[in-house]
Amino acid sequence: MVPARKIVPLIALLMLVGVPQPAHAALWSGACALDVRFVFSEPIQPTGSNPNYTVTVTPAVDLDTGWPGSQPCLSSLDVDPFRSTSVVASGSSSLWTCGAVLASGPWDQGWQNQAGAFTPPAVFGSHSITGAWGAWTVLITSPSLNFTGVIELTLDTGTPTPACIGATSVRTTGVMVFQDPS
């Protein structure tokens, strides 16, 4: 779960962005509190490992408990800012060790508001991951939509976390911020 100290900036971001008036340019922006699990094709080693991986993304919090389902995202340009999200992602790494990570792959993400509308537009893009064990940055892009998102991930302290050496999966948590000029 995302600690409260990370959710406050998420809400502050949306309050700063606000909901633009119709006269303003359309710019979707928002944030999602997410748990991200990586499952590796081979165990992580102290040096020389470069496993492929799959990504599973689940909500870290439910920002609107008054509505069925989990709403881990907030988005601008709508009087109903809460969103569910779904992600399909995987990748390959040129390096994934205890000391460094350099990985990338496809990242497809969609959002749905409480009325059932799929907004902002779905992203069929790519991601890159950099960092070291316990602190990763995921950059998500889709040039066709001019979309950019970033997630700062840390180890999920709410679940048992394996030591780096020999890990075949890792659970992380973080807040994704994004913008998408429609």
C-alpha atoms as a PDB file:
ATOM      1  CA  MET A   1       0.000   0.000   0.000  1.00  0.00           C
ATOM      2  CA  VAL A   2       1.146   3.546  -0.672  1.00  0.00           C
ATOM      3  CA  PRO A   3       1.894   5.413   2.558  1.00  0.00           C
ATOM      4  CA  ALA A   4      -0.142   8.520   3.370  1.00  0.00           C
ATOM      5  CA  ARG A   5       2.959  10.695   2.824  1.00  0.00           C
ATOM      6  CA  LYS A   6       2.832   9.729  -0.868  1.00  0.00           C
ATOM      7  CA  ILE A   7      -0.930  10.166  -1.288  1.00  0.00           C
ATOM      8  CA  VAL A   8      -0.978  13.751  -0.042  1.00  0.00           C
ATOM      9  CA  PRO A   9       1.237  14.941  -2.956  1.00  0.00           C
ATOM     10  CA  LEU A  10      -1.017  12.968  -5.336  1.00  0.00           C
ATOM     11  CA  ILE A  11      -4.080  14.882  -4.177  1.00  0.00           C
ATOM     12  CA  ALA A  12      -2.134  18.165  -4.105  1.00  0.00           C
ATOM     13  CA  LEU A  13      -1.091  17.580  -7.725  1.00  0.00           C
ATOM     14  CA  LEU A  14      -4.682  17.232  -8.877  1.00  0.00           C
ATOM     15  CA  MET A  15      -5.733  20.276  -6.877  1.00  0.00           C
ATOM     16  CA  LEU A  16      -2.932  22.240  -8.555  1.00  0.00           C
ATOM     17  CA  VAL A  17      -3.857  20.992 -12.024  1.00  0.00           C
ATOM     18  CA  GLY A  18      -7.568  21.374 -11.377  1.00  0.00           C
ATOM     19  CA  VAL A  19     -10.277  20.930 -13.951  1.00  0.00           C
ATOM     20  CA  PRO A  20      -9.674  23.342 -16.857  1.00  0.00           C
ATOM     21  CA  GLN A  21     -12.472  25.463 -18.198  1.00  0.00           C
ATOM     22  CA  PRO A  22     -13.607  24.726 -21.795  1.00  0.00           C
ATOM     23  CA  ALA A  23     -11.689  27.755 -23.113  1.00  0.00           C
ATOM     24  CA  HIS A  24      -8.365  26.186 -22.051  1.00  0.00           C
ATOM     25  CA  ALA A  25      -6.396  23.741 -24.152  1.00  0.00           C
ATOM     26  CA  ALA A  26      -7.234  20.100 -23.476  1.00  0.00           C
ATOM     27  CA  LEU A  27      -4.508  18.595 -21.321  1.00  0.00           C
ATOM     28  CA  TRP A  28      -5.211  15.398 -19.443  1.00  0.00           C
ATOM     29  CA  SER A  29      -3.096  15.142 -16.350  1.00  0.00           C
ATOM     30  CA  GLY A  30      -3.354  13.083 -13.249  1.00  0.00           C
ATOM     31  CA  ALA A  31      -1.862  10.550 -10.923  1.00  0.00           C
ATOM     32  CA  CYS A  32      -2.333   6.945  -9.816  1.00  0.00           C
ATOM     33  CA  ALA A  33      -1.276   5.176  -6.604  1.00  0.00           C
ATOM     34  CA  LEU A  34      -0.089   1.765  -7.796  1.00  0.00           C
ATOM     35  CA  ASP A  35       1.459  -1.476  -6.613  1.00  0.00           C
ATOM     36  CA  VAL A  36       3.717  -2.888  -9.324  1.00  0.00           C
ATOM     37  CA  ARG A  37       5.004  -6.466  -9.313  1.00  0.00           C
ATOM     38  CA  PHE A  38       7.834  -7.654 -11.530  1.00  0.00           C
ATOM     39  CA  VAL A  39       8.221 -11.396 -12.209  1.00  0.00           C
ATOM     40  CA  PHE A  40      11.591 -12.322 -13.686  1.00  0.00           C
ATOM     41  CA  SER A  41      12.386 -15.116 -16.144  1.00  0.00           C
ATOM     42  CA  GLU A  42      15.532 -15.948 -14.162  1.00  0.00           C
ATOM     43  CA  PRO A  43      16.785 -15.037 -10.674  1.00  0.00           C
ATOM     44  CA  ILE A  44      18.504 -11.690 -10.119  1.00  0.00           C
ATOM     45  CA  GLN A  45      22.262 -11.984  -9.626  1.00  0.00           C
ATOM     46  CA  PRO A  46      24.746  -9.544  -8.072  1.00  0.00           C
ATOM     47  CA  THR A  47      26.304  -8.992 -11.511  1.00  0.00           C
ATOM     48  CA  GLY A  48      25.641  -9.993 -15.097  1.00  0.00           C
ATOM     49  CA  SER A  49      21.926 -10.769 -14.979  1.00  0.00           C
ATOM     50  CA  ASN A  50      19.550  -9.517 -17.653  1.00  0.00           C
ATOM     51  CA  PRO A  51      16.202 -11.308 -17.237  1.00  0.00           C
ATOM     52  CA  ASN A  52      13.006 -10.749 -19.161  1.00  0.00           C
ATOM     53  CA  TYR A  53      10.054  -9.824 -16.951  1.00  0.00           C
ATOM     54  CA  THR A  54       6.302  -9.423 -16.786  1.00  0.00           C
ATOM     55  CA  VAL A  55       4.570  -6.581 -14.953  1.00  0.00           C
ATOM     56  CA  THR A  56       1.388  -6.785 -12.888  1.00  0.00           C
ATOM     57  CA  VAL A  57      -0.167  -3.492 -11.758  1.00  0.00           C
ATOM     58  CA  THR A  58      -2.815  -3.268  -9.030  1.00  0.00           C
ATOM     59  CA  PRO A  59      -4.325  -0.354  -7.079  1.00  0.00           C
ATOM     60  CA  ALA A  60      -2.363   0.739  -4.007  1.00  0.00           C
ATOM     61  CA  VAL A  61      -5.334   2.671  -2.605  1.00  0.00           C
ATOM     62  CA  ASP A  62      -9.003   3.282  -3.352  1.00  0.00           C
ATOM     63  CA  LEU A  63      -9.413   7.046  -3.577  1.00  0.00           C
ATOM     64  CA  ASP A  64     -13.217   6.832  -3.816  1.00  0.00           C
ATOM     65  CA  THR A  65     -14.507   4.171  -1.448  1.00  0.00           C
ATOM     66  CA  GLY A  66     -18.096   5.254  -2.097  1.00  0.00           C
ATOM     67  CA  TRP A  67     -18.049   3.639  -5.542  1.00  0.00           C
ATOM     68  CA  PRO A  68     -17.767  -0.078  -6.370  1.00  0.00           C
ATOM     69  CA  GLY A  69     -14.352  -1.246  -7.505  1.00  0.00           C
ATOM     70  CA  SER A  70     -11.040   0.385  -6.811  1.00  0.00           C
ATOM     71  CA  GLN A  71     -10.314   3.914  -8.014  1.00  0.00           C
ATOM     72  CA  PRO A  72      -6.531   4.443  -7.597  1.00  0.00           C
ATOM     73  CA  CYS A  73      -6.300   7.317 -10.081  1.00  0.00           C
ATOM     74  CA  LEU A  74      -7.277  10.973 -10.275  1.00  0.00           C
ATOM     75  CA  SER A  75      -7.561  12.751 -13.621  1.00  0.00           C
ATOM     76  CA  SER A  76      -8.208  16.291 -14.778  1.00  0.00           C
ATOM     77  CA  LEU A  77     -10.715  17.400 -17.437  1.00  0.00           C
ATOM     78  CA  ASP A  78     -13.698  15.739 -15.828  1.00  0.00           C
ATOM     79  CA  VAL A  79     -16.157  16.609 -13.077  1.00  0.00           C
ATOM     80  CA  ASP A  80     -15.695  12.956 -12.015  1.00  0.00           C
ATOM     81  CA  PRO A  81     -11.916  12.767 -11.428  1.00  0.00           C
ATOM     82  CA  PHE A  82     -11.645   9.213 -10.036  1.00  0.00           C
ATOM     83  CA  ARG A  83     -10.496   6.414 -12.340  1.00  0.00           C
ATOM     84  CA  SER A  84      -9.760   2.729 -12.357  1.00  0.00           C
ATOM     85  CA  THR A  85      -6.799   1.680 -14.474  1.00  0.00           C
ATOM     86  CA  SER A  86      -5.491  -1.441 -16.138  1.00  0.00           C
ATOM     87  CA  VAL A  87      -1.989  -2.104 -17.422  1.00  0.00           C
ATOM     88  CA  VAL A  88      -0.467  -4.778 -19.661  1.00  0.00           C
ATOM     89  CA  ALA A  89       3.334  -4.631 -19.684  1.00  0.00           C
ATOM     90  CA  SER A  90       6.430  -6.767 -20.017  1.00  0.00           C
ATOM     91  CA  GLY A  91      10.023  -6.207 -20.969  1.00  0.00           C
ATOM     92  CA  SER A  92      13.586  -7.264 -21.318  1.00  0.00           C
ATOM     93  CA  SER A  93      16.618  -5.957 -19.514  1.00  0.00           C
ATOM     94  CA  SER A  94      20.092  -5.353 -20.762  1.00  0.00           C
ATOM     95  CA  LEU A  95      20.993  -5.214 -17.060  1.00  0.00           C
ATOM     96  CA  TRP A  96      18.996  -6.027 -13.909  1.00  0.00           C
ATOM     97  CA  THR A  97      21.243  -6.613 -10.920  1.00  0.00           C
ATOM     98  CA  CYS A  98      21.322  -5.521  -7.298  1.00  0.00           C
ATOM     99  CA  GLY A  99      23.327  -2.422  -8.244  1.00  0.00           C
ATOM    100  CA  ALA A 100      21.722  -1.250 -11.467  1.00  0.00           C
ATOM    101  CA  VAL A 101      18.732  -1.666 -13.766  1.00  0.00           C
ATOM    102  CA  LEU A 102      18.363  -0.819 -17.432  1.00  0.00           C
ATOM    103  CA  ALA A 103      15.229  -2.350 -18.949  1.00  0.00           C
ATOM    104  CA  SER A 104      12.415  -1.552 -21.392  1.00  0.00           C
ATOM    105  CA  GLY A 105       9.371  -2.941 -23.149  1.00  0.00           C
ATOM    106  CA  PRO A 106       5.762  -2.270 -24.169  1.00  0.00           C
ATOM    107  CA  TRP A 107       3.317  -0.562 -21.772  1.00  0.00           C
ATOM    108  CA  ASP A 108      -0.405  -0.443 -22.535  1.00  0.00           C
ATOM    109  CA  GLN A 109      -2.632   1.397 -20.065  1.00  0.00           C
ATOM    110  CA  GLY A 110      -6.252   2.433 -19.970  1.00  0.00           C
ATOM    111  CA  TRP A 111      -8.445   4.366 -17.545  1.00  0.00           C
ATOM    112  CA  GLN A 112     -12.179   4.210 -16.905  1.00  0.00           C
ATOM    113  CA  ASN A 113     -14.280   6.695 -14.973  1.00  0.00           C
ATOM    114  CA  GLN A 114     -17.276   5.808 -12.822  1.00  0.00           C
ATOM    115  CA  ALA A 115     -19.698   6.466 -15.682  1.00  0.00           C
ATOM    116  CA  GLY A 116     -17.903   3.844 -17.791  1.00  0.00           C
ATOM    117  CA  ALA A 117     -16.113   6.259 -20.146  1.00  0.00           C
ATOM    118  CA  PHE A 118     -12.558   5.357 -21.112  1.00  0.00           C
ATOM    119  CA  THR A 119     -10.790   8.642 -20.401  1.00  0.00           C
ATOM    120  CA  PRO A 120      -8.125   9.824 -20.840  1.00  0.00           C
ATOM    121  CA  PRO A 121      -7.373   7.993 -24.103  1.00  0.00           C
ATOM    122  CA  ALA A 122      -5.678   4.605 -23.704  1.00  0.00           C
ATOM    123  CA  VAL A 123      -1.901   4.517 -24.067  1.00  0.00           C
ATOM    124  CA  PHE A 124      -0.231   1.952 -26.305  1.00  0.00           C
ATOM    125  CA  GLY A 125       3.346   2.891 -25.672  1.00  0.00           C
ATOM    126  CA  SER A 126       6.585   1.800 -24.118  1.00  0.00           C
ATOM    127  CA  HIS A 127       8.378   1.995 -20.801  1.00  0.00           C
ATOM    128  CA  SER A 128      11.962   2.169 -19.622  1.00  0.00           C
ATOM    129  CA  ILE A 129      13.239   1.368 -16.133  1.00  0.00           C
ATOM    130  CA  THR A 130      16.381   2.680 -14.481  1.00  0.00           C
ATOM    131  CA  GLY A 131      17.628   2.568 -10.910  1.00  0.00           C
ATOM    132  CA  ALA A 132      18.969   0.086  -8.388  1.00  0.00           C
ATOM    133  CA  TRP A 133      17.458  -2.455  -5.996  1.00  0.00           C
ATOM    134  CA  GLY A 134      14.790  -0.708  -3.931  1.00  0.00           C
ATOM    135  CA  ALA A 135      14.559   2.512  -5.978  1.00  0.00           C
ATOM    136  CA  TRP A 136      13.424   2.429  -9.593  1.00  0.00           C
ATOM    137  CA  THR A 137      12.137   5.034 -12.058  1.00  0.00           C
ATOM    138  CA  VAL A 138       9.704   3.929 -14.750  1.00  0.00           C
ATOM    139  CA  LEU A 139       9.223   6.301 -17.686  1.00  0.00           C
ATOM    140  CA  ILE A 140       6.165   5.627 -19.870  1.00  0.00           C
ATOM    141  CA  THR A 141       5.818   7.270 -23.277  1.00  0.00           C
ATOM    142  CA  SER A 142       3.537   7.135 -26.290  1.00  0.00           C
ATOM    143  CA  PRO A 143       4.693   9.507 -29.036  1.00  0.00           C
ATOM    144  CA  SER A 144       1.473   9.023 -31.029  1.00  0.00           C
ATOM    145  CA  LEU A 145      -0.509  10.515 -28.123  1.00  0.00           C
ATOM    146  CA  ASN A 146       2.252  12.817 -26.886  1.00  0.00           C
ATOM    147  CA  PHE A 147       1.835  10.997 -23.555  1.00  0.00           C
ATOM    148  CA  THR A 148       4.402  10.996 -20.756  1.00  0.00           C
ATOM    149  CA  GLY A 149       4.132   9.325 -17.376  1.00  0.00           C
ATOM    150  CA  VAL A 150       6.599   8.547 -14.621  1.00  0.00           C
ATOM    151  CA  ILE A 151       6.484   6.263 -11.583  1.00  0.00           C
ATOM    152  CA  GLU A 152       8.988   6.378  -8.744  1.00  0.00           C
ATOM    153  CA  LEU A 153       8.937   2.869  -7.257  1.00  0.00           C
ATOM    154  CA  THR A 154      10.214   1.614  -3.910  1.00  0.00           C
ATOM    155  CA  LEU A 155      10.002  -1.800  -2.297  1.00  0.00           C
ATOM    156  CA  ASP A 156       6.532  -2.558  -0.941  1.00  0.00           C
ATOM    157  CA  THR A 157       7.131  -2.721   2.804  1.00  0.00           C
ATOM    158  CA  GLY A 158       3.654  -4.183   3.330  1.00  0.00           C
ATOM    159  CA  THR A 159       4.648  -7.562   1.856  1.00  0.00           C
ATOM    160  CA  PRO A 160       7.583  -9.883   2.472  1.00  0.00           C
ATOM    161  CA  THR A 161      10.398  -8.640   0.245  1.00  0.00           C
ATOM    162  CA  PRO A 162      13.038 -11.027  -1.002  1.00  0.00           C
ATOM    163  CA  ALA A 163      16.707 -10.205  -0.841  1.00  0.00           C
ATOM    164  CA  CYS A 164      17.987  -8.981  -4.179  1.00  0.00           C
ATOM    165  CA  ILE A 165      20.270 -11.917  -4.932  1.00  0.00           C
ATOM    166  CA  GLY A 166      18.183 -14.798  -6.240  1.00  0.00           C
ATOM    167  CA  ALA A 167      14.893 -12.858  -6.399  1.00  0.00           C
ATOM    168  CA  THR A 168      12.454 -14.174  -9.007  1.00  0.00           C
ATOM    169  CA  SER A 169       9.891 -11.447  -8.325  1.00  0.00           C
ATOM    170  CA  VAL A 170       9.617  -8.172  -6.455  1.00  0.00           C
ATOM    171  CA  ARG A 171       6.653  -6.103  -5.249  1.00  0.00           C
ATOM    172  CA  THR A 172       7.004  -2.351  -5.446  1.00  0.00           C
ATOM    173  CA  THR A 173       4.762   0.629  -4.799  1.00  0.00           C
ATOM    174  CA  GLY A 174       4.651   4.194  -6.045  1.00  0.00           C
ATOM    175  CA  VAL A 175       2.716   7.093  -7.488  1.00  0.00           C
ATOM    176  CA  MET A 176       2.450   7.557 -11.244  1.00  0.00           C
ATOM    177  CA  VAL A 177       2.016  11.086 -12.554  1.00  0.00           C
ATOM    178  CA  PHE A 178       1.081  11.653 -16.182  1.00  0.00           C
ATOM    179  CA  GLN A 179       0.034  14.171 -18.783  1.00  0.00           C
ATOM    180  CA  ASP A 180      -1.539  13.607 -22.157  1.00  0.00           C
ATOM    181  CA  PRO A 181      -2.430  16.511 -24.449  1.00  0.00           C
ATOM    182  CA  SER A 182      -5.574  15.281 -26.221  1.00  0.00           C
END
